[in-house]
């Protein structure tokens, strides 16, 4: 069964946040850390994995990603710190 990951990256503690979705979390985080991905994460040096969720459906994962992007920053930080103080 295929797995999909919704993940949150940060530039530093209380820094810039990025939310994404992938089917290979290890590869994707590596791409961000090595700045192989053009765009937001490279520009703002966002590469620390601070949170992730596993989903069995890409549709489910994309829905969750879009929902998290609409959350207030405070809610995102509370979600991350619940499991990753």
PDB file of N, CA and C in Angstrom:
ATOM      1  N   UNK A   1       0.836  -1.185   0.000  1.00  0.00           N
ATOM      2  CA  UNK A   1       0.000   0.000   0.000  1.00  0.00           C
ATOM      3  C   UNK A   1       0.884   1.254   0.000  1.00  0.00           C
ATOM      4  N   UNK A   2       0.570   2.192  -0.855  1.00  0.00           N
ATOM      5  CA  UNK A   2       1.339   3.419  -0.989  1.00  0.00           C
ATOM      6  C   UNK A   2       1.018   4.372   0.163  1.00  0.00           C
ATOM      7  N   UNK A   3       2.033   5.116   0.597  1.00  0.00           N
ATOM      8  CA  UNK A   3       1.855   6.098   1.657  1.00  0.00           C
ATOM      9  C   UNK A   3       2.196   7.484   1.134  1.00  0.00           C
ATOM     10  N   UNK A   4       1.510   8.466   1.676  1.00  0.00           N
ATOM     11  CA  UNK A   4       1.730   9.863   1.322  1.00  0.00           C
ATOM     12  C   UNK A   4       1.947  10.645   2.607  1.00  0.00           C
ATOM     13  N   UNK A   5       2.784  11.645   2.542  1.00  0.00           N
ATOM     14  CA  UNK A   5       3.174  12.395   3.722  1.00  0.00           C
ATOM     15  C   UNK A   5       2.841  13.869   3.558  1.00  0.00           C
ATOM     16  N   UNK A   6       2.210  14.424   4.564  1.00  0.00           N
ATOM     17  CA  UNK A   6       2.054  15.870   4.676  1.00  0.00           C
ATOM     18  C   UNK A   6       3.115  16.283   5.681  1.00  0.00           C
ATOM     19  N   UNK A   7       3.917  17.272   5.341  1.00  0.00           N
ATOM     20  CA  UNK A   7       5.035  17.616   6.207  1.00  0.00           C
ATOM     21  C   UNK A   7       5.150  19.125   6.379  1.00  0.00           C
ATOM     22  N   UNK A   8       5.775  19.499   7.498  1.00  0.00           N
ATOM     23  CA  UNK A   8       6.047  20.909   7.771  1.00  0.00           C
ATOM     24  C   UNK A   8       7.552  21.055   7.981  1.00  0.00           C
ATOM     25  N   UNK A   9       8.122  22.013   7.266  1.00  0.00           N
ATOM     26  CA  UNK A   9       9.528  22.363   7.418  1.00  0.00           C
ATOM     27  C   UNK A   9       9.597  23.754   8.051  1.00  0.00           C
ATOM     28  N   UNK A  10      10.699  24.010   8.758  1.00  0.00           N
ATOM     29  CA  UNK A  10      10.930  25.331   9.344  1.00  0.00           C
ATOM     30  C   UNK A  10      12.344  25.782   9.017  1.00  0.00           C
ATOM     31  N   UNK A  11      12.546  27.088   9.009  1.00  0.00           N
ATOM     32  CA  UNK A  11      13.889  27.629   8.785  1.00  0.00           C
ATOM     33  C   UNK A  11      14.699  27.595  10.080  1.00  0.00           C
ATOM     34  N   UNK A  12      14.014  27.755  11.205  1.00  0.00           N
ATOM     35  CA  UNK A  12      14.596  27.714  12.549  1.00  0.00           C
ATOM     36  C   UNK A  12      13.438  27.745  13.532  1.00  0.00           C
ATOM     37  N   UNK A  13      13.714  27.693  14.822  1.00  0.00           N
ATOM     38  CA  UNK A  13      12.646  27.767  15.815  1.00  0.00           C
ATOM     39  C   UNK A  13      11.936  29.110  15.664  1.00  0.00           C
ATOM     40  N   UNK A  14      10.616  29.052  15.554  1.00  0.00           N
ATOM     41  CA  UNK A  14       9.778  30.243  15.340  1.00  0.00           C
ATOM     42  C   UNK A  14      10.112  30.981  14.044  1.00  0.00           C
ATOM     43  N   UNK A  15      10.667  30.249  13.074  1.00  0.00           N
ATOM     44  CA  UNK A  15      11.030  30.848  11.801  1.00  0.00           C
ATOM     45  C   UNK A  15       9.947  30.647  10.747  1.00  0.00           C
ATOM     46  N   UNK A  16      10.360  30.739   9.516  1.00  0.00           N
ATOM     47  CA  UNK A  16       9.470  30.569   8.367  1.00  0.00           C
ATOM     48  C   UNK A  16       9.044  29.107   8.259  1.00  0.00           C
ATOM     49  N   UNK A  17       7.760  28.882   7.934  1.00  0.00           N
ATOM     50  CA  UNK A  17       7.213  27.528   7.801  1.00  0.00           C
ATOM     51  C   UNK A  17       6.866  27.235   6.348  1.00  0.00           C
ATOM     52  N   UNK A  18       6.965  25.965   6.006  1.00  0.00           N
ATOM     53  CA  UNK A  18       6.569  25.483   4.679  1.00  0.00           C
ATOM     54  C   UNK A  18       5.806  24.182   4.868  1.00  0.00           C
ATOM     55  N   UNK A  19       4.685  24.040   4.186  1.00  0.00           N
ATOM     56  CA  UNK A  19       3.887  22.816   4.248  1.00  0.00           C
ATOM     57  C   UNK A  19       3.855  22.201   2.867  1.00  0.00           C
ATOM     58  N   UNK A  20       4.117  20.894   2.795  1.00  0.00           N
ATOM     59  CA  UNK A  20       4.123  20.202   1.514  1.00  0.00           C
ATOM     60  C   UNK A  20       3.570  18.800   1.628  1.00  0.00           C
ATOM     61  N   UNK A  21       3.486  18.124   0.496  1.00  0.00           N
ATOM     62  CA  UNK A  21       3.012  16.741   0.437  1.00  0.00           C
ATOM     63  C   UNK A  21       3.935  15.973  -0.511  1.00  0.00           C
ATOM     64  N   UNK A  22       4.201  14.705  -0.181  1.00  0.00           N
ATOM     65  CA  UNK A  22       5.091  13.879  -0.994  1.00  0.00           C
ATOM     66  C   UNK A  22       4.775  12.405  -0.774  1.00  0.00           C
ATOM     67  N   UNK A  23       5.288  11.567  -1.654  1.00  0.00           N
ATOM     68  CA  UNK A  23       5.159  10.120  -1.456  1.00  0.00           C
ATOM     69  C   UNK A  23       6.483   9.509  -0.980  1.00  0.00           C
ATOM     70  N   UNK A  24       7.525  10.351  -0.840  1.00  0.00           N
ATOM     71  CA  UNK A  24       8.838   9.886  -0.375  1.00  0.00           C
ATOM     72  C   UNK A  24       9.438  10.974   0.516  1.00  0.00           C
ATOM     73  N   UNK A  25       9.156  10.894   1.798  1.00  0.00           N
ATOM     74  CA  UNK A  25       9.542  11.943   2.736  1.00  0.00           C
ATOM     75  C   UNK A  25      11.054  12.109   2.837  1.00  0.00           C
ATOM     76  N   UNK A  26      11.783  11.022   2.902  1.00  0.00           N
ATOM     77  CA  UNK A  26      13.245  11.097   3.035  1.00  0.00           C
ATOM     78  C   UNK A  26      13.863  11.810   1.828  1.00  0.00           C
ATOM     79  N   UNK A  27      13.457  11.404   0.634  1.00  0.00           N
ATOM     80  CA  UNK A  27      13.978  12.041  -0.584  1.00  0.00           C
ATOM     81  C   UNK A  27      13.620  13.522  -0.616  1.00  0.00           C
ATOM     82  N   UNK A  28      12.388  13.844  -0.279  1.00  0.00           N
ATOM     83  CA  UNK A  28      11.922  15.232  -0.370  1.00  0.00           C
ATOM     84  C   UNK A  28      12.640  16.140   0.621  1.00  0.00           C
ATOM     85  N   UNK A  29      12.822  15.675   1.852  1.00  0.00           N
ATOM     86  CA  UNK A  29      13.538  16.484   2.842  1.00  0.00           C
ATOM     87  C   UNK A  29      14.987  16.670   2.404  1.00  0.00           C
ATOM     88  N   UNK A  30      15.597  15.622   1.856  1.00  0.00           N
ATOM     89  CA  UNK A  30      16.960  15.728   1.330  1.00  0.00           C
ATOM     90  C   UNK A  30      17.034  16.810   0.245  1.00  0.00           C
ATOM     91  N   UNK A  31      16.059  16.814  -0.657  1.00  0.00           N
ATOM     92  CA  UNK A  31      16.039  17.815  -1.727  1.00  0.00           C
ATOM     93  C   UNK A  31      15.969  19.232  -1.148  1.00  0.00           C
ATOM     94  N   UNK A  32      15.159  19.412  -0.115  1.00  0.00           N
ATOM     95  CA  UNK A  32      15.063  20.731   0.518  1.00  0.00           C
ATOM     96  C   UNK A  32      16.376  21.098   1.209  1.00  0.00           C
ATOM     97  N   UNK A  33      16.950  20.162   1.971  1.00  0.00           N
ATOM     98  CA  UNK A  33      18.196  20.432   2.710  1.00  0.00           C
ATOM     99  C   UNK A  33      19.350  20.786   1.768  1.00  0.00           C
ATOM    100  N   UNK A  34      19.421  20.104   0.635  1.00  0.00           N
ATOM    101  CA  UNK A  34      20.498  20.335  -0.324  1.00  0.00           C
ATOM    102  C   UNK A  34      20.188  21.449  -1.318  1.00  0.00           C
ATOM    103  N   UNK A  35      19.039  22.093  -1.129  1.00  0.00           N
ATOM    104  CA  UNK A  35      18.601  23.205  -1.982  1.00  0.00           C
ATOM    105  C   UNK A  35      18.500  22.794  -3.457  1.00  0.00           C
ATOM    106  N   UNK A  36      18.023  21.586  -3.683  1.00  0.00           N
ATOM    107  CA  UNK A  36      17.826  21.083  -5.037  1.00  0.00           C
ATOM    108  C   UNK A  36      16.493  21.527  -5.620  1.00  0.00           C
ATOM    109  N   UNK A  37      15.635  22.081  -4.773  1.00  0.00           N
ATOM    110  CA  UNK A  37      14.296  22.509  -5.171  1.00  0.00           C
ATOM    111  C   UNK A  37      14.289  24.033  -5.309  1.00  0.00           C
ATOM    112  N   UNK A  38      14.033  24.516  -6.501  1.00  0.00           N
ATOM    113  CA  UNK A  38      13.926  25.962  -6.702  1.00  0.00           C
ATOM    114  C   UNK A  38      12.638  26.451  -6.057  1.00  0.00           C
ATOM    115  N   UNK A  39      12.663  27.657  -5.550  1.00  0.00           N
ATOM    116  CA  UNK A  39      11.442  28.247  -5.029  1.00  0.00           C
ATOM    117  C   UNK A  39      11.547  28.663  -3.573  1.00  0.00           C
ATOM    118  N   UNK A  40      10.415  28.603  -2.900  1.00  0.00           N
ATOM    119  CA  UNK A  40      10.249  29.141  -1.554  1.00  0.00           C
ATOM    120  C   UNK A  40      11.258  28.614  -0.549  1.00  0.00           C
ATOM    121  N   UNK A  41      11.401  27.295  -0.465  1.00  0.00           N
ATOM    122  CA  UNK A  41      12.275  26.728   0.572  1.00  0.00           C
ATOM    123  C   UNK A  41      13.741  27.075   0.336  1.00  0.00           C
ATOM    124  N   UNK A  42      14.140  27.145  -0.902  1.00  0.00           N
ATOM    125  CA  UNK A  42      15.525  27.528  -1.216  1.00  0.00           C
ATOM    126  C   UNK A  42      15.745  29.007  -0.904  1.00  0.00           C
ATOM    127  N   UNK A  43      14.808  29.831  -1.306  1.00  0.00           N
ATOM    128  CA  UNK A  43      14.920  31.276  -1.110  1.00  0.00           C
ATOM    129  C   UNK A  43      14.988  31.647   0.372  1.00  0.00           C
ATOM    130  N   UNK A  44      14.163  30.986   1.193  1.00  0.00           N
ATOM    131  CA  UNK A  44      14.071  31.339   2.614  1.00  0.00           C
ATOM    132  C   UNK A  44      14.804  30.356   3.534  1.00  0.00           C
ATOM    133  N   UNK A  45      15.599  29.462   2.961  1.00  0.00           N
ATOM    134  CA  UNK A  45      16.406  28.505   3.723  1.00  0.00           C
ATOM    135  C   UNK A  45      15.557  27.685   4.710  1.00  0.00           C
ATOM    136  N   UNK A  46      14.475  27.136   4.206  1.00  0.00           N
ATOM    137  CA  UNK A  46      13.556  26.335   5.015  1.00  0.00           C
ATOM    138  C   UNK A  46      13.874  24.865   4.752  1.00  0.00           C
ATOM    139  N   UNK A  47      14.425  24.160   5.757  1.00  0.00           N
ATOM    140  CA  UNK A  47      14.837  22.775   5.500  1.00  0.00           C
ATOM    141  C   UNK A  47      14.782  21.849   6.713  1.00  0.00           C
ATOM    142  N   UNK A  48      14.322  22.320   7.859  1.00  0.00           N
ATOM    143  CA  UNK A  48      14.262  21.473   9.054  1.00  0.00           C
ATOM    144  C   UNK A  48      12.889  20.804   9.154  1.00  0.00           C
ATOM    145  N   UNK A  49      12.869  19.488   9.113  1.00  0.00           N
ATOM    146  CA  UNK A  49      11.610  18.757   9.246  1.00  0.00           C
ATOM    147  C   UNK A  49      11.161  18.835  10.702  1.00  0.00           C
ATOM    148  N   UNK A  50       9.988  19.416  10.934  1.00  0.00           N
ATOM    149  CA  UNK A  50       9.495  19.576  12.305  1.00  0.00           C
ATOM    150  C   UNK A  50       8.206  18.798  12.566  1.00  0.00           C
ATOM    151  N   UNK A  51       7.548  18.317  11.493  1.00  0.00           N
ATOM    152  CA  UNK A  51       6.281  17.603  11.680  1.00  0.00           C
ATOM    153  C   UNK A  51       5.933  16.860  10.394  1.00  0.00           C
ATOM    154  N   UNK A  52       5.312  15.688  10.543  1.00  0.00           N
ATOM    155  CA  UNK A  52       4.750  14.999   9.378  1.00  0.00           C
ATOM    156  C   UNK A  52       3.603  14.092   9.787  1.00  0.00           C
ATOM    157  N   UNK A  53       2.746  13.820   8.833  1.00  0.00           N
ATOM    158  CA  UNK A  53       1.624  12.888   8.988  1.00  0.00           C
ATOM    159  C   UNK A  53       1.661  11.905   7.831  1.00  0.00           C
ATOM    160  N   UNK A  54       1.172  10.707   8.071  1.00  0.00           N
ATOM    161  CA  UNK A  54       1.103   9.677   7.027  1.00  0.00           C
ATOM    162  C   UNK A  54      -0.353   9.488   6.620  1.00  0.00           C
ATOM    163  N   UNK A  55      -0.581   9.433   5.308  1.00  0.00           N
ATOM    164  CA  UNK A  55      -1.921   9.202   4.762  1.00  0.00           C
ATOM    165  C   UNK A  55      -1.844   8.077   3.730  1.00  0.00           C
ATOM    166  N   UNK A  56      -2.927   7.363   3.574  1.00  0.00           N
ATOM    167  CA  UNK A  56      -2.985   6.255   2.611  1.00  0.00           C
ATOM    168  C   UNK A  56      -3.517   6.672   1.253  1.00  0.00           C
ATOM    169  N   UNK A  57      -4.026   7.872   1.152  1.00  0.00           N
ATOM    170  CA  UNK A  57      -4.610   8.362  -0.092  1.00  0.00           C
ATOM    171  C   UNK A  57      -3.998   9.716  -0.440  1.00  0.00           C
ATOM    172  N   UNK A  58      -3.632   9.908  -1.699  1.00  0.00           N
ATOM    173  CA  UNK A  58      -3.081  11.192  -2.133  1.00  0.00           C
ATOM    174  C   UNK A  58      -4.139  12.278  -2.013  1.00  0.00           C
ATOM    175  N   UNK A  59      -5.369  11.932  -2.272  1.00  0.00           N
ATOM    176  CA  UNK A  59      -6.462  12.909  -2.162  1.00  0.00           C
ATOM    177  C   UNK A  59      -6.597  13.382  -0.722  1.00  0.00           C
ATOM    178  N   UNK A  60      -6.548  12.445   0.205  1.00  0.00           N
ATOM    179  CA  UNK A  60      -6.594  12.755   1.638  1.00  0.00           C
ATOM    180  C   UNK A  60      -5.424  13.652   2.031  1.00  0.00           C
ATOM    181  N   UNK A  61      -4.241  13.318   1.563  1.00  0.00           N
ATOM    182  CA  UNK A  61      -3.036  14.080   1.906  1.00  0.00           C
ATOM    183  C   UNK A  61      -3.111  15.513   1.364  1.00  0.00           C
ATOM    184  N   UNK A  62      -3.557  15.663   0.141  1.00  0.00           N
ATOM    185  CA  UNK A  62      -3.668  16.998  -0.453  1.00  0.00           C
ATOM    186  C   UNK A  62      -4.719  17.824   0.279  1.00  0.00           C
ATOM    187  N   UNK A  63      -5.836  17.209   0.640  1.00  0.00           N
ATOM    188  CA  UNK A  63      -6.868  17.916   1.418  1.00  0.00           C
ATOM    189  C   UNK A  63      -6.298  18.420   2.736  1.00  0.00           C
ATOM    190  N   UNK A  64      -5.544  17.564   3.421  1.00  0.00           N
ATOM    191  CA  UNK A  64      -4.953  17.930   4.710  1.00  0.00           C
ATOM    192  C   UNK A  64      -3.928  19.054   4.522  1.00  0.00           C
ATOM    193  N   UNK A  65      -3.104  18.949   3.488  1.00  0.00           N
ATOM    194  CA  UNK A  65      -2.115  19.998   3.209  1.00  0.00           C
ATOM    195  C   UNK A  65      -2.812  21.340   3.016  1.00  0.00           C
ATOM    196  N   UNK A  66      -3.848  21.371   2.208  1.00  0.00           N
ATOM    197  CA  UNK A  66      -4.575  22.617   1.937  1.00  0.00           C
ATOM    198  C   UNK A  66      -5.222  23.158   3.200  1.00  0.00           C
ATOM    199  N   UNK A  67      -5.750  22.261   4.029  1.00  0.00           N
ATOM    200  CA  UNK A  67      -6.370  22.690   5.286  1.00  0.00           C
ATOM    201  C   UNK A  67      -5.324  23.311   6.215  1.00  0.00           C
ATOM    202  N   UNK A  68      -4.175  22.643   6.358  1.00  0.00           N
ATOM    203  CA  UNK A  68      -3.118  23.167   7.235  1.00  0.00           C
ATOM    204  C   UNK A  68      -2.605  24.522   6.756  1.00  0.00           C
ATOM    205  N   UNK A  69      -2.539  24.715   5.466  1.00  0.00           N
ATOM    206  CA  UNK A  69      -2.069  25.990   4.928  1.00  0.00           C
ATOM    207  C   UNK A  69      -3.003  27.138   5.311  1.00  0.00           C
ATOM    208  N   UNK A  70      -4.264  26.838   5.570  1.00  0.00           N
ATOM    209  CA  UNK A  70      -5.240  27.866   5.946  1.00  0.00           C
ATOM    210  C   UNK A  70      -5.246  28.144   7.451  1.00  0.00           C
ATOM    211  N   UNK A  71      -4.611  27.289   8.223  1.00  0.00           N
ATOM    212  CA  UNK A  71      -4.581  27.459   9.685  1.00  0.00           C
ATOM    213  C   UNK A  71      -3.806  28.711  10.067  1.00  0.00           C
ATOM    214  N   UNK A  72      -4.158  29.250  11.234  1.00  0.00           N
ATOM    215  CA  UNK A  72      -3.352  30.317  11.830  1.00  0.00           C
ATOM    216  C   UNK A  72      -1.990  29.749  12.201  1.00  0.00           C
ATOM    217  N   UNK A  73      -0.991  30.585  12.190  1.00  0.00           N
ATOM    218  CA  UNK A  73       0.364  30.170  12.540  1.00  0.00           C
ATOM    219  C   UNK A  73       0.399  29.546  13.944  1.00  0.00           C
ATOM    220  N   UNK A  74      -0.313  30.148  14.878  1.00  0.00           N
ATOM    221  CA  UNK A  74      -0.351  29.652  16.261  1.00  0.00           C
ATOM    222  C   UNK A  74      -0.807  28.196  16.300  1.00  0.00           C
ATOM    223  N   UNK A  75      -1.822  27.859  15.523  1.00  0.00           N
ATOM    224  CA  UNK A  75      -2.351  26.489  15.497  1.00  0.00           C
ATOM    225  C   UNK A  75      -1.300  25.527  14.944  1.00  0.00           C
ATOM    226  N   UNK A  76      -0.591  25.955  13.904  1.00  0.00           N
ATOM    227  CA  UNK A  76       0.456  25.114  13.308  1.00  0.00           C
ATOM    228  C   UNK A  76       1.557  24.832  14.324  1.00  0.00           C
ATOM    229  N   UNK A  77       1.962  25.862  15.046  1.00  0.00           N
ATOM    230  CA  UNK A  77       3.011  25.691  16.054  1.00  0.00           C
ATOM    231  C   UNK A  77       2.545  24.759  17.164  1.00  0.00           C
ATOM    232  N   UNK A  78       1.295  24.910  17.603  1.00  0.00           N
ATOM    233  CA  UNK A  78       0.752  24.007  18.629  1.00  0.00           C
ATOM    234  C   UNK A  78       0.732  22.565  18.129  1.00  0.00           C
ATOM    235  N   UNK A  79       0.361  22.347  16.875  1.00  0.00           N
ATOM    236  CA  UNK A  79       0.342  21.008  16.290  1.00  0.00           C
ATOM    237  C   UNK A  79       1.755  20.409  16.278  1.00  0.00           C
ATOM    238  N   UNK A  80       2.724  21.185  15.837  1.00  0.00           N
ATOM    239  CA  UNK A  80       4.111  20.712  15.774  1.00  0.00           C
ATOM    240  C   UNK A  80       4.653  20.411  17.170  1.00  0.00           C
ATOM    241  N   UNK A  81       4.421  21.309  18.109  1.00  0.00           N
ATOM    242  CA  UNK A  81       5.003  21.170  19.429  1.00  0.00           C
ATOM    243  C   UNK A  81       4.339  20.088  20.282  1.00  0.00           C
ATOM    244  N   UNK A  82       3.151  19.671  19.880  1.00  0.00           N
ATOM    245  CA  UNK A  82       2.467  18.578  20.583  1.00  0.00           C
ATOM    246  C   UNK A  82       3.305  17.313  20.556  1.00  0.00           C
ATOM    247  N   UNK A  83       3.886  17.009  19.406  1.00  0.00           N
ATOM    248  CA  UNK A  83       4.692  15.809  19.228  1.00  0.00           C
ATOM    249  C   UNK A  83       6.188  16.076  19.145  1.00  0.00           C
ATOM    250  N   UNK A  84       6.561  17.325  18.991  1.00  0.00           N
ATOM    251  CA  UNK A  84       7.964  17.677  18.772  1.00  0.00           C
ATOM    252  C   UNK A  84       8.312  18.955  19.549  1.00  0.00           C
ATOM    253  N   UNK A  85       8.402  18.843  20.885  1.00  0.00           N
ATOM    254  CA  UNK A  85       8.651  20.054  21.685  1.00  0.00           C
ATOM    255  C   UNK A  85      10.037  20.612  21.402  1.00  0.00           C
TER     256      UNK A  85
END
